[in-house]
Amino acid sequence: MRRAAEQATKAAQRTADERERLHLEARAVEVGADNADLQHNSQLEELDDLLRATLAVDEHVDFARLKKPFRFPPFAPGALGPPVPAPDWRQFGLLLRPA
């Protein structure tokens, strides 16, 4: 009987040790998540500070001033510039009747 009591005590101790180990692992995961949240909040605060600082300065950009006006080159039609002469219907062998 004494032996069974010792085995039960050892089993209970192992169970308690396992529970403590699992608890510590869970806490470590929670702490890691909390640290990640703090890091994320820190980055958000930096972005907020940057936004506040830039809103205080008037940095107006006039895009119309930045545009360069487009200048069309003069039209140069080349060989297509002069009109094509009207066809001479006699070349086609058509007889024209006077109207």
N, C-alpha and C. Protein backbone atom coordinates (compact mmCIF):
# COMPACT_ATOMS: atom_id res chain seq x y z
N MET A 1 0.81 -1.19 0.00
CA MET A 1 0.00 0.00 0.00
C MET A 1 0.86 1.26 0.00
N ARG A 2 1.93 1.16 0.73
CA ARG A 2 2.83 2.31 0.79
C ARG A 2 3.39 2.62 -0.59
N ARG A 3 3.70 1.58 -1.29
CA ARG A 3 4.24 1.75 -2.63
C ARG A 3 3.22 2.41 -3.56
N ALA A 4 1.98 2.04 -3.49
CA ALA A 4 0.92 2.62 -4.32
C ALA A 4 0.76 4.10 -3.98
N ALA A 5 0.89 4.43 -2.71
CA ALA A 5 0.77 5.84 -2.30
C ALA A 5 1.93 6.65 -2.87
N GLU A 6 3.14 6.06 -2.85
CA GLU A 6 4.31 6.75 -3.40
C GLU A 6 4.15 6.96 -4.91
N GLN A 7 3.66 5.94 -5.59
CA GLN A 7 3.45 6.05 -7.04
C GLN A 7 2.39 7.12 -7.35
N ALA A 8 1.35 7.15 -6.54
CA ALA A 8 0.30 8.15 -6.75
C ALA A 8 0.85 9.55 -6.50
N THR A 9 1.69 9.68 -5.50
CA THR A 9 2.30 10.98 -5.20
C THR A 9 3.21 11.42 -6.35
N LYS A 10 4.00 10.48 -6.85
CA LYS A 10 4.89 10.80 -7.98
C LYS A 10 4.08 11.18 -9.22
N ALA A 11 3.01 10.46 -9.48
CA ALA A 11 2.16 10.76 -10.64
C ALA A 11 1.52 12.14 -10.48
N ALA A 12 1.08 12.44 -9.27
CA ALA A 12 0.49 13.76 -9.01
C ALA A 12 1.54 14.85 -9.20
N GLN A 13 2.77 14.58 -8.79
CA GLN A 13 3.85 15.57 -8.94
C GLN A 13 4.16 15.78 -10.43
N ARG A 14 4.20 14.67 -11.19
CA ARG A 14 4.45 14.80 -12.63
C ARG A 14 3.33 15.60 -13.29
N THR A 15 2.10 15.35 -12.89
CA THR A 15 0.97 16.08 -13.45
C THR A 15 1.08 17.57 -13.09
N ALA A 16 1.45 17.86 -11.87
CA ALA A 16 1.60 19.26 -11.45
C ALA A 16 2.75 19.92 -12.21
N ASP A 17 3.85 19.20 -12.38
CA ASP A 17 4.99 19.73 -13.14
C ASP A 17 4.59 20.01 -14.58
N GLU A 18 3.84 19.08 -15.18
CA GLU A 18 3.39 19.26 -16.57
C GLU A 18 2.46 20.46 -16.67
N ARG A 19 1.55 20.58 -15.69
CA ARG A 19 0.65 21.73 -15.69
C ARG A 19 1.43 23.04 -15.59
N GLU A 20 2.42 23.07 -14.74
CA GLU A 20 3.23 24.29 -14.59
C GLU A 20 3.99 24.59 -15.87
N ARG A 21 4.55 23.55 -16.51
CA ARG A 21 5.28 23.75 -17.76
C ARG A 21 4.34 24.31 -18.83
N LEU A 22 3.15 23.75 -18.95
CA LEU A 22 2.18 24.25 -19.93
C LEU A 22 1.76 25.68 -19.63
N HIS A 23 1.59 25.98 -18.34
CA HIS A 23 1.23 27.34 -17.94
C HIS A 23 2.34 28.33 -18.34
N LEU A 24 3.58 27.94 -18.09
CA LEU A 24 4.70 28.83 -18.44
C LEU A 24 4.81 29.03 -19.95
N GLU A 25 4.57 27.96 -20.70
CA GLU A 25 4.59 28.09 -22.17
C GLU A 25 3.48 29.02 -22.65
N ALA A 26 2.30 28.87 -22.07
CA ALA A 26 1.17 29.74 -22.45
C ALA A 26 1.47 31.19 -22.11
N ARG A 27 2.05 31.42 -20.96
CA ARG A 27 2.40 32.79 -20.55
C ARG A 27 3.46 33.37 -21.50
N ALA A 28 4.42 32.55 -21.91
CA ALA A 28 5.46 33.03 -22.82
C ALA A 28 4.83 33.45 -24.15
N VAL A 29 3.87 32.68 -24.63
CA VAL A 29 3.18 33.04 -25.87
C VAL A 29 2.40 34.34 -25.69
N GLU A 30 1.72 34.49 -24.54
CA GLU A 30 0.97 35.72 -24.27
C GLU A 30 1.90 36.93 -24.22
N VAL A 31 3.04 36.77 -23.57
CA VAL A 31 4.00 37.87 -23.47
C VAL A 31 4.53 38.24 -24.86
N GLY A 32 4.79 37.25 -25.67
CA GLY A 32 5.24 37.53 -27.03
C GLY A 32 4.19 38.30 -27.82
N ALA A 33 2.94 37.90 -27.68
CA ALA A 33 1.86 38.60 -28.38
C ALA A 33 1.72 40.03 -27.86
N ASP A 34 1.81 40.19 -26.54
CA ASP A 34 1.72 41.55 -25.96
C ASP A 34 2.87 42.42 -26.45
N ASN A 35 4.06 41.87 -26.53
CA ASN A 35 5.21 42.64 -27.03
C ASN A 35 5.01 43.04 -28.49
N ALA A 36 4.45 42.14 -29.27
CA ALA A 36 4.18 42.46 -30.68
C ALA A 36 3.15 43.59 -30.77
N ASP A 37 2.12 43.55 -29.90
CA ASP A 37 1.13 44.62 -29.88
C ASP A 37 1.78 45.95 -29.51
N LEU A 38 2.67 45.91 -28.51
CA LEU A 38 3.35 47.15 -28.10
C LEU A 38 4.20 47.70 -29.24
N GLN A 39 4.89 46.81 -29.93
CA GLN A 39 5.71 47.24 -31.06
C GLN A 39 4.84 47.87 -32.13
N HIS A 40 3.70 47.23 -32.41
CA HIS A 40 2.77 47.75 -33.42
C HIS A 40 2.23 49.11 -32.99
N ASN A 41 1.87 49.24 -31.71
CA ASN A 41 1.36 50.52 -31.21
C ASN A 41 2.44 51.60 -31.28
N SER A 42 3.67 51.23 -31.04
CA SER A 42 4.78 52.18 -31.13
C SER A 42 4.93 52.68 -32.56
N GLN A 43 4.79 51.80 -33.52
CA GLN A 43 4.88 52.21 -34.92
C GLN A 43 3.72 53.12 -35.29
N LEU A 44 2.54 52.82 -34.77
CA LEU A 44 1.38 53.68 -35.05
C LEU A 44 1.57 55.07 -34.44
N GLU A 45 2.15 55.12 -33.25
CA GLU A 45 2.41 56.41 -32.63
C GLU A 45 3.42 57.21 -33.46
N GLU A 46 4.43 56.55 -33.98
CA GLU A 46 5.41 57.24 -34.83
C GLU A 46 4.74 57.79 -36.08
N LEU A 47 3.86 57.00 -36.68
CA LEU A 47 3.15 57.48 -37.87
C LEU A 47 2.23 58.65 -37.53
N ASP A 48 1.55 58.58 -36.39
CA ASP A 48 0.70 59.70 -35.96
C ASP A 48 1.52 60.96 -35.76
N ASP A 49 2.69 60.83 -35.12
CA ASP A 49 3.56 61.99 -34.92
C ASP A 49 4.01 62.57 -36.26
N LEU A 50 4.35 61.71 -37.18
CA LEU A 50 4.78 62.17 -38.50
C LEU A 50 3.65 62.91 -39.21
N LEU A 51 2.45 62.37 -39.12
CA LEU A 51 1.30 63.01 -39.74
C LEU A 51 1.03 64.37 -39.12
N ARG A 52 1.05 64.44 -37.80
CA ARG A 52 0.83 65.74 -37.13
C ARG A 52 1.89 66.75 -37.55
N ALA A 53 3.13 66.32 -37.65
CA ALA A 53 4.21 67.24 -38.01
C ALA A 53 4.06 67.75 -39.43
N THR A 54 3.62 66.89 -40.34
CA THR A 54 3.51 67.33 -41.73
C THR A 54 2.24 68.14 -41.96
N LEU A 55 1.21 67.92 -41.16
CA LEU A 55 -0.01 68.72 -41.31
C LEU A 55 0.21 70.15 -40.84
N ALA A 56 1.17 70.35 -39.96
CA ALA A 56 1.44 71.70 -39.45
C ALA A 56 2.17 72.55 -40.49
N VAL A 57 2.76 71.93 -41.49
CA VAL A 57 3.53 72.65 -42.51
C VAL A 57 2.70 72.72 -43.79
N ASP A 58 2.62 73.91 -44.40
CA ASP A 58 1.87 74.04 -45.65
C ASP A 58 2.80 73.73 -46.81
N GLU A 59 2.69 72.56 -47.31
CA GLU A 59 3.53 72.11 -48.42
C GLU A 59 2.68 71.98 -49.68
N HIS A 60 2.06 73.07 -50.10
CA HIS A 60 1.19 73.04 -51.27
C HIS A 60 2.03 72.84 -52.53
N VAL A 61 1.63 71.93 -53.35
CA VAL A 61 2.31 71.68 -54.61
C VAL A 61 1.34 72.08 -55.72
N ASP A 62 1.75 73.05 -56.53
CA ASP A 62 0.91 73.51 -57.63
C ASP A 62 1.26 72.67 -58.86
N PHE A 63 0.42 71.68 -59.12
CA PHE A 63 0.71 70.76 -60.23
C PHE A 63 0.58 71.47 -61.58
N ALA A 64 -0.25 72.48 -61.66
CA ALA A 64 -0.38 73.22 -62.92
C ALA A 64 0.95 73.89 -63.28
N ARG A 65 1.67 74.34 -62.27
CA ARG A 65 2.98 74.95 -62.52
C ARG A 65 4.01 73.93 -62.98
N LEU A 66 3.83 72.71 -62.57
CA LEU A 66 4.79 71.67 -62.94
C LEU A 66 4.57 71.15 -64.35
N LYS A 67 3.38 71.36 -64.89
CA LYS A 67 3.09 70.86 -66.23
C LYS A 67 3.83 71.69 -67.27
N LYS A 68 4.33 71.02 -68.28
CA LYS A 68 4.94 71.71 -69.41
C LYS A 68 3.92 71.73 -70.54
N PRO A 69 3.68 72.90 -71.12
CA PRO A 69 2.69 72.93 -72.21
C PRO A 69 3.22 72.15 -73.41
N PHE A 70 2.33 71.41 -74.03
CA PHE A 70 2.72 70.64 -75.20
C PHE A 70 2.61 71.51 -76.43
N ARG A 71 3.66 71.56 -77.18
CA ARG A 71 3.65 72.34 -78.41
C ARG A 71 3.61 71.36 -79.58
N PHE A 72 2.54 71.49 -80.35
CA PHE A 72 2.40 70.62 -81.51
C PHE A 72 3.39 71.05 -82.59
N PRO A 73 4.10 70.11 -83.20
CA PRO A 73 5.00 70.48 -84.29
C PRO A 73 4.17 70.89 -85.51
N PRO A 74 4.73 71.73 -86.37
CA PRO A 74 3.97 72.11 -87.57
C PRO A 74 3.68 70.88 -88.43
N PHE A 75 2.50 70.89 -89.04
CA PHE A 75 2.07 69.76 -89.85
C PHE A 75 2.89 69.70 -91.13
N ALA A 76 3.51 68.57 -91.37
CA ALA A 76 4.31 68.37 -92.58
C ALA A 76 3.80 67.10 -93.27
N PRO A 77 2.85 67.21 -94.21
CA PRO A 77 2.28 66.01 -94.82
C PRO A 77 3.21 65.32 -95.81
N GLY A 78 4.28 65.96 -96.21
CA GLY A 78 5.21 65.34 -97.15
C GLY A 78 4.57 65.18 -98.52
N ALA A 79 4.72 63.99 -99.12
CA ALA A 79 4.21 63.73 -100.47
C ALA A 79 2.69 63.72 -100.50
N LEU A 80 2.04 63.59 -99.37
CA LEU A 80 0.58 63.55 -99.34
C LEU A 80 -0.03 64.95 -99.28
N GLY A 81 0.80 65.98 -99.24
CA GLY A 81 0.29 67.35 -99.12
C GLY A 81 -0.47 67.84 -100.34
N PRO A 82 0.11 67.75 -101.53
CA PRO A 82 -0.62 68.25 -102.70
C PRO A 82 -1.75 67.30 -103.07
N PRO A 83 -2.88 67.84 -103.54
CA PRO A 83 -4.00 66.96 -103.89
C PRO A 83 -3.68 66.12 -105.13
N VAL A 84 -4.30 64.97 -105.18
CA VAL A 84 -4.15 64.07 -106.32
C VAL A 84 -4.99 64.65 -107.47
N PRO A 85 -4.43 64.70 -108.70
CA PRO A 85 -5.23 65.23 -109.80
C PRO A 85 -6.44 64.35 -110.08
N ALA A 86 -7.50 64.97 -110.58
CA ALA A 86 -8.72 64.24 -110.92
C ALA A 86 -8.42 63.25 -112.03
N PRO A 87 -9.09 62.11 -112.03
CA PRO A 87 -8.80 61.10 -113.06
C PRO A 87 -9.26 61.57 -114.44
N ASP A 88 -8.52 61.16 -115.46
CA ASP A 88 -8.90 61.42 -116.85
C ASP A 88 -9.65 60.18 -117.32
N TRP A 89 -10.96 60.29 -117.42
CA TRP A 89 -11.81 59.14 -117.69
C TRP A 89 -11.54 58.55 -119.08
N ARG A 90 -10.94 59.31 -119.94
CA ARG A 90 -10.64 58.78 -121.28
C ARG A 90 -9.60 57.67 -121.19
N GLN A 91 -8.78 57.71 -120.18
CA GLN A 91 -7.78 56.67 -120.02
C GLN A 91 -8.42 55.31 -119.73
N PHE A 92 -9.61 55.35 -119.25
CA PHE A 92 -10.28 54.11 -118.90
C PHE A 92 -11.20 53.60 -120.01
N GLY A 93 -11.22 54.31 -121.13
CA GLY A 93 -12.01 53.87 -122.25
C GLY A 93 -13.48 54.12 -122.08
N LEU A 94 -13.88 54.99 -121.23
CA LEU A 94 -15.29 55.28 -121.03
C LEU A 94 -15.70 56.44 -121.94
N LEU A 95 -16.78 56.26 -122.56
CA LEU A 95 -17.30 57.35 -123.41
C LEU A 95 -18.23 58.19 -122.57
N LEU A 96 -17.97 59.42 -122.59
CA LEU A 96 -18.82 60.34 -121.83
C LEU A 96 -19.86 60.92 -122.79
N ARG A 97 -21.06 60.83 -122.44
CA ARG A 97 -22.12 61.40 -123.25
C ARG A 97 -22.41 62.82 -122.75
N PRO A 98 -22.60 63.69 -123.64
CA PRO A 98 -22.96 65.04 -123.19
C PRO A 98 -24.34 65.01 -122.57
N ALA A 99 -24.49 65.72 -121.53
CA ALA A 99 -25.78 65.76 -120.85
C ALA A 99 -26.75 66.71 -121.45
